[in-house]
Structure formats: structure tokens, C-alpha cells
Amino acid sequence: STENYQRLNNPDSEYEVGFIQSGTTNPSETDHLQTIAAVSYE
């Protein structure tokens, strides 16, 4: 999850979508990321 967040948070990366585990990041408005959906319990 942490690496997925870092990849998506990079505006120049080729990654467009990823899975992130709730409670593992400290997102901010400048991340320019959005939730498509919560999909499952882990």
C-alpha cells in the first residue's frame, strides 16, 4: 500500500490506478488522488 501511494502521488509516473490500504497514508489535497471505491475488507 505505501509504495502504491508513492507511485500514484508522483504526477509524472505512469501509474494511474492502485490499491491503498486504509489508515496507511496521510493524504493531502495536493496529492490529486481520488477514491474510485472501497472494495473489500482486509
PDB file of all heavy atoms in Angstrom:
ATOM      1  N   SER A   1       0.802  -1.219   0.000  1.00  0.00           N
ATOM      2  CA  SER A   1       0.000   0.000   0.000  1.00  0.00           C
ATOM      3  C   SER A   1       0.839   1.276   0.000  1.00  0.00           C
ATOM      4  O   SER A   1       0.559   2.221  -0.738  1.00  0.00           O
ATOM      5  CB  SER A   1      -0.921  -0.007   1.223  1.00  0.00           C
ATOM      6  OG  SER A   1      -1.657   1.189   1.311  1.00  0.00           O
ATOM      7  N   THR A   2       1.864   1.317   0.837  1.00  0.00           N
ATOM      8  CA  THR A   2       2.676   2.535   0.945  1.00  0.00           C
ATOM      9  C   THR A   2       3.371   2.855  -0.368  1.00  0.00           C
ATOM     10  O   THR A   2       3.384   4.012  -0.822  1.00  0.00           O
ATOM     11  CB  THR A   2       3.715   2.396   2.075  1.00  0.00           C
ATOM     12  OG1 THR A   2       3.042   2.119   3.299  1.00  0.00           O
ATOM     13  CG2 THR A   2       4.531   3.661   2.215  1.00  0.00           C
ATOM     14  N   GLU A   3       3.940   1.842  -1.003  1.00  0.00           N
ATOM     15  CA  GLU A   3       4.598   2.071  -2.298  1.00  0.00           C
ATOM     16  C   GLU A   3       3.567   2.455  -3.358  1.00  0.00           C
ATOM     17  O   GLU A   3       3.845   3.299  -4.223  1.00  0.00           O
ATOM     18  CB  GLU A   3       5.371   0.838  -2.738  1.00  0.00           C
ATOM     19  CG  GLU A   3       6.165   1.079  -4.017  1.00  0.00           C
ATOM     20  CD  GLU A   3       7.004  -0.110  -4.445  1.00  0.00           C
ATOM     21  OE1 GLU A   3       6.981  -1.153  -3.763  1.00  0.00           O
ATOM     22  OE2 GLU A   3       7.703   0.017  -5.481  1.00  0.00           O
ATOM     23  N   ASN A   4       2.384   1.858  -3.314  1.00  0.00           N
ATOM     24  CA  ASN A   4       1.334   2.227  -4.268  1.00  0.00           C
ATOM     25  C   ASN A   4       0.985   3.703  -4.139  1.00  0.00           C
ATOM     26  O   ASN A   4       0.817   4.412  -5.140  1.00  0.00           O
ATOM     27  CB  ASN A   4       0.082   1.386  -4.030  1.00  0.00           C
ATOM     28  CG  ASN A   4       0.280  -0.074  -4.401  1.00  0.00           C
ATOM     29  OD1 ASN A   4       1.239  -0.420  -5.085  1.00  0.00           O
ATOM     30  ND2 ASN A   4      -0.633  -0.917  -3.967  1.00  0.00           N
ATOM     31  N   TYR A   5       0.883   4.169  -2.907  1.00  0.00           N
ATOM     32  CA  TYR A   5       0.583   5.590  -2.676  1.00  0.00           C
ATOM     33  C   TYR A   5       1.687   6.477  -3.239  1.00  0.00           C
ATOM     34  O   TYR A   5       1.418   7.492  -3.895  1.00  0.00           O
ATOM     35  CB  TYR A   5       0.398   5.839  -1.188  1.00  0.00           C
ATOM     36  CG  TYR A   5       0.287   7.299  -0.821  1.00  0.00           C
ATOM     37  CD1 TYR A   5      -0.855   8.022  -1.128  1.00  0.00           C
ATOM     38  CD2 TYR A   5       1.336   7.955  -0.174  1.00  0.00           C
ATOM     39  CE1 TYR A   5      -0.964   9.362  -0.797  1.00  0.00           C
ATOM     40  CE2 TYR A   5       1.233   9.287   0.166  1.00  0.00           C
ATOM     41  CZ  TYR A   5       0.085   9.995  -0.147  1.00  0.00           C
ATOM     42  OH  TYR A   5      -0.005  11.325   0.166  1.00  0.00           O
ATOM     43  N   GLN A   6       2.930   6.093  -3.020  1.00  0.00           N
ATOM     44  CA  GLN A   6       4.050   6.881  -3.519  1.00  0.00           C
ATOM     45  C   GLN A   6       4.055   6.923  -5.046  1.00  0.00           C
ATOM     46  O   GLN A   6       4.348   7.960  -5.648  1.00  0.00           O
ATOM     47  CB  GLN A   6       5.370   6.294  -2.996  1.00  0.00           C
ATOM     48  CG  GLN A   6       5.539   6.452  -1.485  1.00  0.00           C
ATOM     49  CD  GLN A   6       6.704   5.660  -0.934  1.00  0.00           C
ATOM     50  OE1 GLN A   6       7.297   4.819  -1.624  1.00  0.00           O
ATOM     51  NE2 GLN A   6       7.039   5.891   0.335  1.00  0.00           N
ATOM     52  N   ARG A   7       3.719   5.817  -5.664  1.00  0.00           N
ATOM     53  CA  ARG A   7       3.674   5.777  -7.123  1.00  0.00           C
ATOM     54  C   ARG A   7       2.574   6.681  -7.673  1.00  0.00           C
ATOM     55  O   ARG A   7       2.794   7.449  -8.618  1.00  0.00           O
ATOM     56  CB  ARG A   7       3.445   4.337  -7.597  1.00  0.00           C
ATOM     57  CG  ARG A   7       4.644   3.420  -7.460  1.00  0.00           C
ATOM     58  CD  ARG A   7       4.286   1.999  -7.870  1.00  0.00           C
ATOM     59  NE  ARG A   7       5.459   1.135  -7.923  1.00  0.00           N
ATOM     60  CZ  ARG A   7       5.420  -0.156  -8.279  1.00  0.00           C
ATOM     61  NH1 ARG A   7       4.248  -0.720  -8.585  1.00  0.00           N
ATOM     62  NH2 ARG A   7       6.534  -0.875  -8.305  1.00  0.00           N
ATOM     63  N   LEU A   8       1.397   6.593  -7.090  1.00  0.00           N
ATOM     64  CA  LEU A   8       0.277   7.396  -7.574  1.00  0.00           C
ATOM     65  C   LEU A   8       0.467   8.868  -7.247  1.00  0.00           C
ATOM     66  O   LEU A   8       0.005   9.749  -7.998  1.00  0.00           O
ATOM     67  CB  LEU A   8      -1.030   6.896  -6.960  1.00  0.00           C
ATOM     68  CG  LEU A   8      -1.508   5.513  -7.401  1.00  0.00           C
ATOM     69  CD1 LEU A   8      -2.734   5.105  -6.601  1.00  0.00           C
ATOM     70  CD2 LEU A   8      -1.821   5.489  -8.882  1.00  0.00           C
ATOM     71  N   ASN A   9       1.126   9.150  -6.163  1.00  0.00           N
ATOM     72  CA  ASN A   9       1.331  10.527  -5.735  1.00  0.00           C
ATOM     73  C   ASN A   9       2.323  11.276  -6.620  1.00  0.00           C
ATOM     74  O   ASN A   9       2.394  12.499  -6.589  1.00  0.00           O
ATOM     75  CB  ASN A   9       1.822  10.552  -4.283  1.00  0.00           C
ATOM     76  CG  ASN A   9       1.733  11.926  -3.666  1.00  0.00           C
ATOM     77  OD1 ASN A   9       0.867  12.713  -4.021  1.00  0.00           O
ATOM     78  ND2 ASN A   9       2.624  12.218  -2.749  1.00  0.00           N
ATOM     79  N   ASN A  10       3.083  10.535  -7.410  1.00  0.00           N
ATOM     80  CA  ASN A  10       4.037  11.147  -8.331  1.00  0.00           C
ATOM     81  C   ASN A  10       3.302  11.517  -9.620  1.00  0.00           C
ATOM     82  O   ASN A  10       2.885  10.637 -10.382  1.00  0.00           O
ATOM     83  CB  ASN A  10       5.165  10.167  -8.638  1.00  0.00           C
ATOM     84  CG  ASN A  10       6.191  10.751  -9.604  1.00  0.00           C
ATOM     85  OD1 ASN A  10       6.082  11.903 -10.038  1.00  0.00           O
ATOM     86  ND2 ASN A  10       7.184   9.960  -9.960  1.00  0.00           N
ATOM     87  N   PRO A  11       3.122  12.807  -9.902  1.00  0.00           N
ATOM     88  CA  PRO A  11       2.346  13.202 -11.089  1.00  0.00           C
ATOM     89  C   PRO A  11       2.999  12.788 -12.399  1.00  0.00           C
ATOM     90  O   PRO A  11       2.328  12.711 -13.432  1.00  0.00           O
ATOM     91  CB  PRO A  11       2.266  14.731 -10.963  1.00  0.00           C
ATOM     92  CG  PRO A  11       3.428  15.109 -10.094  1.00  0.00           C
ATOM     93  CD  PRO A  11       3.621  13.971  -9.149  1.00  0.00           C
ATOM     94  N   ASP A  12       4.293  12.511 -12.373  1.00  0.00           N
ATOM     95  CA  ASP A  12       5.000  12.146 -13.608  1.00  0.00           C
ATOM     96  C   ASP A  12       5.068  10.633 -13.816  1.00  0.00           C
ATOM     97  O   ASP A  12       5.603  10.174 -14.829  1.00  0.00           O
ATOM     98  CB  ASP A  12       6.425  12.707 -13.577  1.00  0.00           C
ATOM     99  CG  ASP A  12       6.445  14.227 -13.494  1.00  0.00           C
ATOM    100  OD1 ASP A  12       5.569  14.852 -14.120  1.00  0.00           O
ATOM    101  OD2 ASP A  12       7.314  14.774 -12.794  1.00  0.00           O
ATOM    102  N   SER A  13       4.541   9.858 -12.881  1.00  0.00           N
ATOM    103  CA  SER A  13       4.610   8.406 -13.012  1.00  0.00           C
ATOM    104  C   SER A  13       3.565   7.910 -14.003  1.00  0.00           C
ATOM    105  O   SER A  13       2.571   8.591 -14.281  1.00  0.00           O
ATOM    106  CB  SER A  13       4.405   7.731 -11.661  1.00  0.00           C
ATOM    107  OG  SER A  13       3.048   7.815 -11.265  1.00  0.00           O
ATOM    108  N   GLU A  14       3.779   6.718 -14.516  1.00  0.00           N
ATOM    109  CA  GLU A  14       2.849   6.128 -15.474  1.00  0.00           C
ATOM    110  C   GLU A  14       1.677   5.443 -14.787  1.00  0.00           C
ATOM    111  O   GLU A  14       0.714   5.031 -15.437  1.00  0.00           O
ATOM    112  CB  GLU A  14       3.584   5.104 -16.339  1.00  0.00           C
ATOM    113  CG  GLU A  14       4.232   3.979 -15.537  1.00  0.00           C
ATOM    114  CD  GLU A  14       5.104   3.087 -16.406  1.00  0.00           C
ATOM    115  OE1 GLU A  14       4.871   3.060 -17.632  1.00  0.00           O
ATOM    116  OE2 GLU A  14       6.009   2.439 -15.859  1.00  0.00           O
ATOM    117  N   TYR A  15       1.748   5.331 -13.472  1.00  0.00           N
ATOM    118  CA  TYR A  15       0.693   4.640 -12.734  1.00  0.00           C
ATOM    119  C   TYR A  15      -0.542   5.535 -12.620  1.00  0.00           C
ATOM    120  O   TYR A  15      -0.453   6.697 -12.255  1.00  0.00           O
ATOM    121  CB  TYR A  15       1.184   4.254 -11.339  1.00  0.00           C
ATOM    122  CG  TYR A  15       2.390   3.366 -11.372  1.00  0.00           C
ATOM    123  CD1 TYR A  15       3.685   3.896 -11.226  1.00  0.00           C
ATOM    124  CD2 TYR A  15       2.268   2.002 -11.584  1.00  0.00           C
ATOM    125  CE1 TYR A  15       4.808   3.082 -11.284  1.00  0.00           C
ATOM    126  CE2 TYR A  15       3.389   1.177 -11.642  1.00  0.00           C
ATOM    127  CZ  TYR A  15       4.650   1.732 -11.482  1.00  0.00           C
ATOM    128  OH  TYR A  15       5.744   0.917 -11.541  1.00  0.00           O
ATOM    129  N   GLU A  16      -1.705   4.963 -12.933  1.00  0.00           N
ATOM    130  CA  GLU A  16      -2.949   5.728 -12.917  1.00  0.00           C
ATOM    131  C   GLU A  16      -3.907   5.252 -11.846  1.00  0.00           C
ATOM    132  O   GLU A  16      -4.733   6.033 -11.349  1.00  0.00           O
ATOM    133  CB  GLU A  16      -3.633   5.613 -14.283  1.00  0.00           C
ATOM    134  CG  GLU A  16      -2.794   6.147 -15.431  1.00  0.00           C
ATOM    135  CD  GLU A  16      -3.345   5.685 -16.762  1.00  0.00           C
ATOM    136  OE1 GLU A  16      -3.157   4.514 -17.112  1.00  0.00           O
ATOM    137  OE2 GLU A  16      -3.968   6.521 -17.447  1.00  0.00           O
ATOM    138  N   VAL A  17      -3.836   3.975 -11.496  1.00  0.00           N
ATOM    139  CA  VAL A  17      -4.771   3.377 -10.547  1.00  0.00           C
ATOM    140  C   VAL A  17      -3.988   2.453  -9.628  1.00  0.00           C
ATOM    141  O   VAL A  17      -2.955   1.891 -10.027  1.00  0.00           O
ATOM    142  CB  VAL A  17      -5.874   2.575 -11.274  1.00  0.00           C
ATOM    143  CG1 VAL A  17      -6.864   1.985 -10.281  1.00  0.00           C
ATOM    144  CG2 VAL A  17      -6.597   3.449 -12.275  1.00  0.00           C
ATOM    145  N   GLY A  18      -4.464   2.292  -8.402  1.00  0.00           N
ATOM    146  CA  GLY A  18      -3.803   1.365  -7.490  1.00  0.00           C
ATOM    147  C   GLY A  18      -4.667   1.087  -6.274  1.00  0.00           C
ATOM    148  O   GLY A  18      -5.701   1.741  -6.048  1.00  0.00           O
ATOM    149  N   PHE A  19      -4.240   0.104  -5.493  1.00  0.00           N
ATOM    150  CA  PHE A  19      -4.934  -0.242  -4.253  1.00  0.00           C
ATOM    151  C   PHE A  19      -4.162   0.331  -3.073  1.00  0.00           C
ATOM    152  O   PHE A  19      -2.939   0.183  -2.987  1.00  0.00           O
ATOM    153  CB  PHE A  19      -5.049  -1.762  -4.100  1.00  0.00           C
ATOM    154  CG  PHE A  19      -5.919  -2.404  -5.141  1.00  0.00           C
ATOM    155  CD1 PHE A  19      -5.366  -3.057  -6.223  1.00  0.00           C
ATOM    156  CD2 PHE A  19      -7.300  -2.348  -5.037  1.00  0.00           C
ATOM    157  CE1 PHE A  19      -6.164  -3.655  -7.184  1.00  0.00           C
ATOM    158  CE2 PHE A  19      -8.111  -2.937  -5.994  1.00  0.00           C
ATOM    159  CZ  PHE A  19      -7.540  -3.596  -7.068  1.00  0.00           C
ATOM    160  N   ILE A  20      -4.881   0.986  -2.187  1.00  0.00           N
ATOM    161  CA  ILE A  20      -4.275   1.568  -0.988  1.00  0.00           C
ATOM    162  C   ILE A  20      -5.070   1.109   0.219  1.00  0.00           C
ATOM    163  O   ILE A  20      -6.304   1.147   0.216  1.00  0.00           O
ATOM    164  CB  ILE A  20      -4.237   3.106  -1.078  1.00  0.00           C
ATOM    165  CG1 ILE A  20      -3.288   3.547  -2.204  1.00  0.00           C
ATOM    166  CG2 ILE A  20      -3.795   3.709   0.252  1.00  0.00           C
ATOM    167  CD1 ILE A  20      -3.206   5.045  -2.396  1.00  0.00           C
ATOM    168  N   GLN A  21      -4.356   0.694   1.221  1.00  0.00           N
ATOM    169  CA  GLN A  21      -4.984   0.205   2.454  1.00  0.00           C
ATOM    170  C   GLN A  21      -5.339   1.380   3.351  1.00  0.00           C
ATOM    171  O   GLN A  21      -4.522   2.275   3.579  1.00  0.00           O
ATOM    172  CB  GLN A  21      -4.021  -0.740   3.166  1.00  0.00           C
ATOM    173  CG  GLN A  21      -4.530  -1.313   4.464  1.00  0.00           C
ATOM    174  CD  GLN A  21      -3.490  -2.217   5.108  1.00  0.00           C
ATOM    175  OE1 GLN A  21      -2.807  -2.981   4.434  1.00  0.00           O
ATOM    176  NE2 GLN A  21      -3.354  -2.099   6.414  1.00  0.00           N
ATOM    177  N   SER A  22      -6.569   1.399   3.844  1.00  0.00           N
ATOM    178  CA  SER A  22      -6.999   2.497   4.711  1.00  0.00           C
ATOM    179  C   SER A  22      -6.107   2.591   5.946  1.00  0.00           C
ATOM    180  O   SER A  22      -5.659   1.590   6.495  1.00  0.00           O
ATOM    181  CB  SER A  22      -8.456   2.273   5.151  1.00  0.00           C
ATOM    182  OG  SER A  22      -8.568   1.098   5.936  1.00  0.00           O
ATOM    183  N   GLY A  23      -5.826   3.822   6.338  1.00  0.00           N
ATOM    184  CA  GLY A  23      -5.049   4.051   7.550  1.00  0.00           C
ATOM    185  C   GLY A  23      -3.553   3.977   7.380  1.00  0.00           C
ATOM    186  O   GLY A  23      -2.814   4.084   8.360  1.00  0.00           O
ATOM    187  N   THR A  24      -3.066   3.816   6.150  1.00  0.00           N
ATOM    188  CA  THR A  24      -1.621   3.667   5.945  1.00  0.00           C
ATOM    189  C   THR A  24      -0.972   4.892   5.328  1.00  0.00           C
ATOM    190  O   THR A  24       0.232   4.901   5.109  1.00  0.00           O
ATOM    191  CB  THR A  24      -1.329   2.448   5.049  1.00  0.00           C
ATOM    192  OG1 THR A  24      -1.968   2.637   3.776  1.00  0.00           O
ATOM    193  CG2 THR A  24      -1.852   1.175   5.686  1.00  0.00           C
ATOM    194  N   THR A  25      -1.753   5.921   5.016  1.00  0.00           N
ATOM    195  CA  THR A  25      -1.195   7.116   4.384  1.00  0.00           C
ATOM    196  C   THR A  25      -1.735   8.354   5.078  1.00  0.00           C
ATOM    197  O   THR A  25      -2.707   8.292   5.843  1.00  0.00           O
ATOM    198  CB  THR A  25      -1.563   7.180   2.896  1.00  0.00           C
ATOM    199  OG1 THR A  25      -2.999   7.243   2.776  1.00  0.00           O
ATOM    200  CG2 THR A  25      -1.054   5.964   2.149  1.00  0.00           C
ATOM    201  N   ASN A  26      -1.112   9.480   4.786  1.00  0.00           N
ATOM    202  CA  ASN A  26      -1.598  10.775   5.260  1.00  0.00           C
ATOM    203  C   ASN A  26      -1.835  11.656   4.039  1.00  0.00           C
ATOM    204  O   ASN A  26      -1.034  12.544   3.711  1.00  0.00           O
ATOM    205  CB  ASN A  26      -0.568  11.429   6.189  1.00  0.00           C
ATOM    206  CG  ASN A  26      -0.395  10.655   7.484  1.00  0.00           C
ATOM    207  OD1 ASN A  26      -1.362  10.365   8.170  1.00  0.00           O
ATOM    208  ND2 ASN A  26       0.849  10.310   7.810  1.00  0.00           N
ATOM    209  N   PRO A  27      -2.936  11.405   3.324  1.00  0.00           N
ATOM    210  CA  PRO A  27      -3.168  12.126   2.070  1.00  0.00           C
ATOM    211  C   PRO A  27      -3.431  13.606   2.299  1.00  0.00           C
ATOM    212  O   PRO A  27      -3.895  14.023   3.359  1.00  0.00           O
ATOM    213  CB  PRO A  27      -4.405  11.424   1.494  1.00  0.00           C
ATOM    214  CG  PRO A  27      -5.098  10.834   2.674  1.00  0.00           C
ATOM    215  CD  PRO A  27      -4.012  10.453   3.631  1.00  0.00           C
ATOM    216  N   SER A  28      -3.128  14.396   1.265  1.00  0.00           N
ATOM    217  CA  SER A  28      -3.393  15.835   1.302  1.00  0.00           C
ATOM    218  C   SER A  28      -4.072  16.224   0.001  1.00  0.00           C
ATOM    219  O   SER A  28      -4.112  15.453  -0.960  1.00  0.00           O
ATOM    220  CB  SER A  28      -2.083  16.621   1.462  1.00  0.00           C
ATOM    221  OG  SER A  28      -1.245  16.439   0.333  1.00  0.00           O
ATOM    222  N   GLU A  29      -4.595  17.455  -0.022  1.00  0.00           N
ATOM    223  CA  GLU A  29      -5.312  17.918  -1.213  1.00  0.00           C
ATOM    224  C   GLU A  29      -4.393  18.035  -2.420  1.00  0.00           C
ATOM    225  O   GLU A  29      -4.847  17.952  -3.555  1.00  0.00           O
ATOM    226  CB  GLU A  29      -5.967  19.265  -0.931  1.00  0.00           C
ATOM    227  CG  GLU A  29      -7.085  19.207   0.105  1.00  0.00           C
ATOM    228  CD  GLU A  29      -7.738  20.549   0.331  1.00  0.00           C
ATOM    229  OE1 GLU A  29      -7.314  21.518  -0.349  1.00  0.00           O
ATOM    230  OE2 GLU A  29      -8.654  20.642   1.165  1.00  0.00           O
ATOM    231  N   THR A  30      -3.107  18.215  -2.178  1.00  0.00           N
ATOM    232  CA  THR A  30      -2.167  18.379  -3.287  1.00  0.00           C
ATOM    233  C   THR A  30      -1.781  17.056  -3.935  1.00  0.00           C
ATOM    234  O   THR A  30      -1.039  17.044  -4.909  1.00  0.00           O
ATOM    235  CB  THR A  30      -0.892  19.094  -2.804  1.00  0.00           C
ATOM    236  OG1 THR A  30      -0.302  18.335  -1.725  1.00  0.00           O
ATOM    237  CG2 THR A  30      -1.221  20.488  -2.300  1.00  0.00           C
ATOM    238  N   ASP A  31      -2.279  15.947  -3.383  1.00  0.00           N
ATOM    239  CA  ASP A  31      -1.956  14.644  -3.978  1.00  0.00           C
ATOM    240  C   ASP A  31      -2.624  14.453  -5.327  1.00  0.00           C
ATOM    241  O   ASP A  31      -2.137  13.702  -6.166  1.00  0.00           O
ATOM    242  CB  ASP A  31      -2.412  13.506  -3.046  1.00  0.00           C
ATOM    243  CG  ASP A  31      -1.598  13.447  -1.773  1.00  0.00           C
ATOM    244  OD1 ASP A  31      -0.490  14.015  -1.759  1.00  0.00           O
ATOM    245  OD2 ASP A  31      -2.055  12.832  -0.801  1.00  0.00           O
ATOM    246  N   HIS A  32      -3.776  15.115  -5.526  1.00  0.00           N
ATOM    247  CA  HIS A  32      -4.560  14.951  -6.752  1.00  0.00           C
ATOM    248  C   HIS A  32      -4.937  13.487  -6.970  1.00  0.00           C
ATOM    249  O   HIS A  32      -4.902  12.974  -8.087  1.00  0.00           O
ATOM    250  CB  HIS A  32      -3.794  15.493  -7.967  1.00  0.00           C
ATOM    251  CG  HIS A  32      -3.498  16.959  -7.871  1.00  0.00           C
ATOM    252  ND1 HIS A  32      -4.476  17.928  -7.963  1.00  0.00           N
ATOM    253  CD2 HIS A  32      -2.333  17.625  -7.664  1.00  0.00           C
ATOM    254  CE1 HIS A  32      -3.929  19.128  -7.823  1.00  0.00           C
ATOM    255  NE2 HIS A  32      -2.639  18.976  -7.640  1.00  0.00           N
ATOM    256  N   LEU A  33      -5.320  12.844  -5.876  1.00  0.00           N
ATOM    257  CA  LEU A  33      -5.795  11.466  -5.946  1.00  0.00           C
ATOM    258  C   LEU A  33      -7.268  11.432  -5.549  1.00  0.00           C
ATOM    259  O   LEU A  33      -7.751  12.314  -4.846  1.00  0.00           O
ATOM    260  CB  LEU A  33      -4.980  10.563  -5.012  1.00  0.00           C
ATOM    261  CG  LEU A  33      -3.474  10.491  -5.263  1.00  0.00           C
ATOM    262  CD1 LEU A  33      -2.809   9.558  -4.270  1.00  0.00           C
ATOM    263  CD2 LEU A  33      -3.185  10.033  -6.690  1.00  0.00           C
ATOM    264  N   GLN A  34      -7.967  10.401  -5.994  1.00  0.00           N
ATOM    265  CA  GLN A  34      -9.388  10.269  -5.697  1.00  0.00           C
ATOM    266  C   GLN A  34      -9.739   8.805  -5.490  1.00  0.00           C
ATOM    267  O   GLN A  34      -9.111   7.910  -6.062  1.00  0.00           O
ATOM    268  CB  GLN A  34     -10.236  10.847  -6.828  1.00  0.00           C
ATOM    269  CG  GLN A  34     -10.005  10.162  -8.161  1.00  0.00           C
ATOM    270  CD  GLN A  34     -10.754  10.805  -9.311  1.00  0.00           C
ATOM    271  OE1 GLN A  34     -11.394  11.840  -9.156  1.00  0.00           O
ATOM    272  NE2 GLN A  34     -10.690  10.191 -10.474  1.00  0.00           N
ATOM    273  N   THR A  35     -10.727   8.569  -4.661  1.00  0.00           N
ATOM    274  CA  THR A  35     -11.197   7.212  -4.414  1.00  0.00           C
ATOM    275  C   THR A  35     -12.220   6.824  -5.468  1.00  0.00           C
ATOM    276  O   THR A  35     -13.213   7.534  -5.669  1.00  0.00           O
ATOM    277  CB  THR A  35     -11.833   7.099  -3.017  1.00  0.00           C
ATOM    278  OG1 THR A  35     -10.835   7.343  -2.019  1.00  0.00           O
ATOM    279  CG2 THR A  35     -12.416   5.716  -2.801  1.00  0.00           C
ATOM    280  N   ILE A  36     -11.967   5.711  -6.129  1.00  0.00           N
ATOM    281  CA  ILE A  36     -12.965   5.146  -7.031  1.00  0.00           C
ATOM    282  C   ILE A  36     -14.003   4.385  -6.210  1.00  0.00           C
ATOM    283  O   ILE A  36     -15.202   4.531  -6.400  1.00  0.00           O
ATOM    284  CB  ILE A  36     -12.302   4.212  -8.060  1.00  0.00           C
ATOM    285  CG1 ILE A  36     -11.261   4.983  -8.897  1.00  0.00           C
ATOM    286  CG2 ILE A  36     -13.351   3.592  -8.976  1.00  0.00           C
ATOM    287  CD1 ILE A  36     -11.831   6.093  -9.714  1.00  0.00           C
ATOM    288  N   ALA A  37     -13.526   3.564  -5.265  1.00  0.00           N
ATOM    289  CA  ALA A  37     -14.440   2.835  -4.392  1.00  0.00           C
ATOM    290  C   ALA A  37     -13.654   2.116  -3.298  1.00  0.00           C
ATOM    291  O   ALA A  37     -12.471   1.792  -3.477  1.00  0.00           O
ATOM    292  CB  ALA A  37     -15.280   1.829  -5.175  1.00  0.00           C
ATOM    293  N   ALA A  38     -14.318   1.893  -2.176  1.00  0.00           N
ATOM    294  CA  ALA A  38     -13.811   0.942  -1.187  1.00  0.00           C
ATOM    295  C   ALA A  38     -14.289  -0.429  -1.635  1.00  0.00           C
ATOM    296  O   ALA A  38     -15.479  -0.616  -1.903  1.00  0.00           O
ATOM    297  CB  ALA A  38     -14.363   1.276   0.193  1.00  0.00           C
ATOM    298  N   VAL A  39     -13.362  -1.398  -1.747  1.00  0.00           N
ATOM    299  CA  VAL A  39     -13.721  -2.636  -2.439  1.00  0.00           C
ATOM    300  C   VAL A  39     -13.748  -3.879  -1.553  1.00  0.00           C
ATOM    301  O   VAL A  39     -14.376  -4.885  -1.922  1.00  0.00           O
ATOM    302  CB  VAL A  39     -12.768  -2.882  -3.634  1.00  0.00           C
ATOM    303  CG1 VAL A  39     -12.926  -1.780  -4.671  1.00  0.00           C
ATOM    304  CG2 VAL A  39     -11.314  -2.992  -3.183  1.00  0.00           C
ATOM    305  N   SER A  40     -13.084  -3.859  -0.417  1.00  0.00           N
ATOM    306  CA  SER A  40     -13.052  -5.087   0.380  1.00  0.00           C
ATOM    307  C   SER A  40     -12.439  -4.834   1.744  1.00  0.00           C
ATOM    308  O   SER A  40     -11.638  -3.912   1.912  1.00  0.00           O
ATOM    309  CB  SER A  40     -12.227  -6.156  -0.352  1.00  0.00           C
ATOM    310  OG  SER A  40     -12.128  -7.342   0.402  1.00  0.00           O
ATOM    311  N   TYR A  41     -12.821  -5.677   2.701  1.00  0.00           N
ATOM    312  CA  TYR A  41     -12.107  -5.688   3.972  1.00  0.00           C
ATOM    313  C   TYR A  41     -10.784  -6.435   3.795  1.00  0.00           C
ATOM    314  O   TYR A  41     -10.691  -7.383   3.016  1.00  0.00           O
ATOM    315  CB  TYR A  41     -12.926  -6.404   5.049  1.00  0.00           C
ATOM    316  CG  TYR A  41     -14.016  -5.553   5.665  1.00  0.00           C
ATOM    317  CD1 TYR A  41     -15.273  -6.093   5.917  1.00  0.00           C
ATOM    318  CD2 TYR A  41     -13.782  -4.229   6.017  1.00  0.00           C
ATOM    319  CE1 TYR A  41     -16.282  -5.332   6.488  1.00  0.00           C
ATOM    320  CE2 TYR A  41     -14.781  -3.464   6.588  1.00  0.00           C
ATOM    321  CZ  TYR A  41     -16.025  -4.014   6.816  1.00  0.00           C
ATOM    322  OH  TYR A  41     -17.017  -3.249   7.380  1.00  0.00           O
ATOM    323  N   GLU A  42      -9.783  -5.990   4.554  1.00  0.00           N
ATOM    324  CA  GLU A  42      -8.501  -6.686   4.604  1.00  0.00           C
ATOM    325  C   GLU A  42      -8.269  -7.134   6.048  1.00  0.00           C
ATOM    326  O   GLU A  42      -7.769  -6.368   6.868  1.00  0.00           O
ATOM    327  CB  GLU A  42      -7.370  -5.761   4.155  1.00  0.00           C
ATOM    328  CG  GLU A  42      -7.446  -5.335   2.701  1.00  0.00           C
ATOM    329  CD  GLU A  42      -6.228  -4.524   2.314  1.00  0.00           C
ATOM    330  OE1 GLU A  42      -5.129  -5.107   2.205  1.00  0.00           O
ATOM    331  OE2 GLU A  42      -6.363  -3.296   2.152  1.00  0.00           O
TER     332      GLU A  42
END
